[in-house]
C-alpha cells in the first residue's frame, strides 16, 4: 500500500497533471432517451482528458489564481496521482453553492479511496468558506454517478443554467454540507 500525502497545489505545480493517466473506459452512461434518463451502453474508451489537457491545465491555474482550492494527492515519490479543485465563487438563490470543478485520479490508482479523500477534503474546505452545498457537473458515466451517489450526492435542487448548458450530458448534482 502506498503512502499518500494530500496538500494544496501551488501554481507552479499545475503541469504535474501531465504525470497522470486520465484514460477511462466507459461501458455505460446516462442519456436522455425519449425524455427519460436511462443507462445506455456506449463502450467508449477515452484515452485523453475530457475537453483536452489544456482545458484542465488552465482550469487548475485559474482556480488557484482566483483564490479557490486545488488539492493534490501525491505518492511516496512525490508524483501527483490525483487532484480536485473547488471554485470559491458563491452562486445560487436559495443556497450558497460552490463548484467542484475537477476531480481526477490517475487510472492506475483508482478504486483505492483517493477520490473519496479528495472529495471530503473539498467538503471540509467548502464548509470553512461558509458554503451550504457543493455543486457538481458530473460526467454521465455510470461509474462517475455511482461515485458521487456513494458520497451522498443527489440531483441539484437549484440548477445553474450556465453550467448545465455548457455540457447538456452532464448530470447536475449537489452535496449538502
Protein backbone atom coordinates (compact mmCIF):
# COMPACT_ATOMS: atom_id res chain seq x y z
CA UNK A 1 0.00 0.00 0.00
CA UNK A 2 1.38 3.39 -0.97
CA UNK A 3 1.56 6.35 1.39
CA UNK A 4 -0.37 9.31 0.04
CA UNK A 5 0.14 12.92 1.01
CA UNK A 6 -2.69 15.39 0.42
CA UNK A 7 -1.91 19.08 0.18
CA UNK A 8 -2.74 22.29 -1.64
CA UNK A 9 -1.24 22.55 -5.09
CA UNK A 10 0.86 25.59 -5.89
CA UNK A 11 0.55 27.49 -9.16
CA UNK A 12 3.97 26.29 -10.33
CA UNK A 13 2.84 22.65 -9.88
CA UNK A 14 -0.06 22.76 -12.35
CA UNK A 15 1.99 20.98 -15.02
CA UNK A 16 2.16 17.98 -12.68
CA UNK A 17 -1.17 16.84 -14.08
CA UNK A 18 0.83 15.68 -17.13
CA UNK A 19 2.08 12.86 -14.87
CA UNK A 20 -1.44 11.48 -14.59
CA UNK A 21 -3.15 8.94 -16.84
CA UNK A 22 -6.68 10.25 -17.46
CA UNK A 23 -7.77 7.28 -19.61
CA UNK A 24 -11.16 5.81 -18.85
CA UNK A 25 -13.31 3.10 -20.37
CA UNK A 26 -16.99 3.97 -20.13
CA UNK A 27 -19.19 0.93 -20.62
CA UNK A 28 -22.47 2.66 -19.77
CA UNK A 29 -23.58 6.26 -19.42
CA UNK A 30 -26.77 8.09 -18.52
CA UNK A 31 -28.55 9.59 -21.51
CA UNK A 32 -31.93 11.16 -22.17
CA UNK A 33 -33.89 8.70 -24.30
CA UNK A 34 -37.41 9.73 -25.27
CA UNK A 35 -37.49 12.26 -22.44
CA UNK A 36 -36.33 9.82 -19.75
CA UNK A 37 -32.87 9.42 -18.26
CA UNK A 38 -31.66 5.91 -18.96
CA UNK A 39 -28.44 3.99 -18.58
CA UNK A 40 -27.28 3.04 -22.06
CA UNK A 41 -24.32 1.05 -23.31
CA UNK A 42 -21.77 3.24 -25.07
CA UNK A 43 -18.48 1.26 -24.77
CA UNK A 44 -16.31 4.34 -25.15
CA UNK A 45 -12.60 4.38 -24.41
CA UNK A 46 -11.40 7.90 -23.69
CA UNK A 47 -7.60 7.98 -23.74
CA UNK A 48 -7.21 11.70 -23.01
CA UNK A 49 -8.51 14.39 -20.71
CA UNK A 50 -12.17 15.26 -21.31
CA UNK A 51 -12.08 18.55 -23.28
CA UNK A 52 -8.30 18.16 -23.65
CA UNK A 53 -5.28 18.63 -21.39
CA UNK A 54 -5.07 22.41 -21.92
CA UNK A 55 -8.63 22.90 -20.67
CA UNK A 56 -7.87 21.14 -17.38
CA UNK A 57 -4.42 22.69 -17.00
CA UNK A 58 -5.76 26.23 -17.46
CA UNK A 59 -8.78 25.49 -15.26
CA UNK A 60 -6.45 24.36 -12.48
CA UNK A 61 -4.36 27.52 -12.85
CA UNK A 62 -7.45 29.78 -12.80
CA UNK A 63 -8.79 28.11 -9.67
CA UNK A 64 -5.56 28.79 -7.81
CA UNK A 65 -5.15 32.36 -9.13
CA UNK A 66 -8.76 33.21 -8.19
CA UNK A 67 -8.44 32.01 -4.58
CA UNK A 68 -10.07 28.61 -4.99
CA UNK A 69 -8.79 25.35 -3.60
CA UNK A 70 -6.69 22.84 -5.54
CA UNK A 71 -5.86 19.76 -3.51
CA UNK A 72 -3.34 17.27 -4.79
CA UNK A 73 -2.74 13.66 -3.82
CA UNK A 74 0.93 12.70 -4.07
CA UNK A 75 2.52 9.26 -3.82
CA UNK A 76 5.69 8.46 -1.87
CA UNK A 77 7.80 9.60 -4.85
CA UNK A 78 6.02 12.99 -4.85
CA UNK A 79 4.21 12.11 -8.09
CA UNK A 80 0.76 13.65 -8.50
CA UNK A 81 -1.79 10.82 -8.62
CA UNK A 82 -4.99 12.80 -8.10
CA UNK A 83 -6.37 16.28 -7.64
CA UNK A 84 -9.60 18.14 -7.00
CA UNK A 85 -10.47 21.80 -7.46
CA UNK A 86 -13.12 23.86 -5.76
CA UNK A 87 -14.00 27.31 -7.05
CA UNK A 88 -14.50 29.93 -4.36
CA UNK A 89 -17.25 31.99 -6.03
CA UNK A 90 -20.66 31.50 -4.45
CA UNK A 91 -23.82 31.17 -6.54
CA UNK A 92 -27.42 30.10 -6.04
CA UNK A 93 -30.69 31.70 -4.99
CA UNK A 94 -31.67 29.58 -2.00
CA UNK A 95 -28.29 28.12 -1.02
CA UNK A 96 -24.66 29.16 -1.10
CA UNK A 97 -23.15 26.80 -3.66
CA UNK A 98 -19.51 26.42 -4.64
CA UNK A 99 -18.44 24.44 -7.69
CA UNK A 100 -16.41 21.25 -7.51
CA UNK A 101 -14.78 21.95 -10.84
CA UNK A 102 -12.43 19.00 -11.25
CA UNK A 103 -11.76 15.69 -9.55
CA UNK A 104 -9.38 13.24 -11.20
CA UNK A 105 -7.39 10.22 -10.08
CA UNK A 106 -4.79 8.65 -12.35
CA UNK A 107 -6.04 5.40 -13.89
CA UNK A 108 -3.55 3.17 -12.06
CA UNK A 109 -4.62 4.43 -8.62
CA UNK A 110 -8.43 4.39 -8.94
CA UNK A 111 -10.66 2.49 -6.50
CA UNK A 112 -8.20 2.98 -3.64
CA UNK A 113 -10.06 5.73 -1.76
CA UNK A 114 -8.07 8.65 -3.21
CA UNK A 115 -11.06 10.25 -4.94
CA UNK A 116 -13.16 9.81 -1.80
CA UNK A 117 -10.50 11.53 0.33
CA UNK A 118 -10.10 14.38 -2.17
CA UNK A 119 -13.87 14.87 -2.22
CA UNK A 120 -14.10 15.00 1.58
CA UNK A 121 -11.19 17.46 1.79
CA UNK A 122 -13.08 19.68 -0.67
CA UNK A 123 -16.20 19.38 1.50
CA UNK A 124 -14.17 20.49 4.55
CA UNK A 125 -12.82 23.46 2.60
CA UNK A 126 -16.29 24.47 1.38
CA UNK A 127 -17.63 24.32 4.95
CA UNK A 128 -14.77 26.54 6.06
CA UNK A 129 -15.74 29.09 3.41
CA UNK A 130 -19.34 29.15 4.67
CA UNK A 131 -20.89 27.30 1.71
CA UNK A 132 -24.13 25.36 2.15
CA UNK A 133 -23.63 22.94 -0.74
CA UNK A 134 -21.16 21.76 -3.32
CA UNK A 135 -22.36 21.81 -6.92
CA UNK A 136 -21.07 19.15 -9.30
CA UNK A 137 -21.42 18.91 -13.09
CA UNK A 138 -20.83 15.18 -13.12
CA UNK A 139 -19.89 13.33 -16.26
CA UNK A 140 -22.63 10.89 -17.20
CA UNK A 141 -20.53 7.70 -16.96
CA UNK A 142 -22.14 5.06 -14.76
CA UNK A 143 -19.05 4.83 -12.51
CA UNK A 144 -18.89 8.60 -12.06
CA UNK A 145 -22.50 8.85 -10.93
CA UNK A 146 -22.06 5.85 -8.60
CA UNK A 147 -19.01 7.52 -7.07
CA UNK A 148 -20.91 10.70 -6.25
CA UNK A 149 -24.01 8.83 -5.07
CA UNK A 150 -21.83 6.85 -2.65
CA UNK A 151 -20.64 10.17 -1.18
CA UNK A 152 -24.26 11.21 -0.57
CA UNK A 153 -24.65 13.47 -3.60
CA UNK A 154 -28.07 13.91 -5.16
CA UNK A 155 -29.59 15.79 -8.07
CA UNK A 156 -29.19 19.52 -7.55
CA UNK A 157 -32.21 21.40 -6.22
CA UNK A 158 -31.07 24.56 -7.98
CA UNK A 159 -29.74 24.16 -11.50
CA UNK A 160 -27.04 26.57 -12.57
CA UNK A 161 -28.20 27.25 -16.12
CA UNK A 162 -24.81 28.35 -17.43
CA UNK A 163 -23.07 25.23 -16.10
CA UNK A 164 -25.88 22.94 -17.20
CA UNK A 165 -25.85 24.30 -20.73
CA UNK A 166 -22.05 24.01 -21.04
CA UNK A 167 -22.46 20.22 -21.37
CA UNK A 168 -26.07 19.01 -21.52
CA UNK A 169 -24.98 15.40 -20.95
CA UNK A 170 -23.56 16.23 -17.51
CA UNK A 171 -25.72 15.44 -14.53
CA UNK A 172 -26.14 18.35 -12.14
CA UNK A 173 -25.55 17.13 -8.59
CA UNK A 174 -25.14 18.66 -5.16
CA UNK A 175 -23.64 17.67 -1.87
CA UNK A 176 -25.21 19.13 1.25
CA UNK A 177 -22.58 20.26 3.74
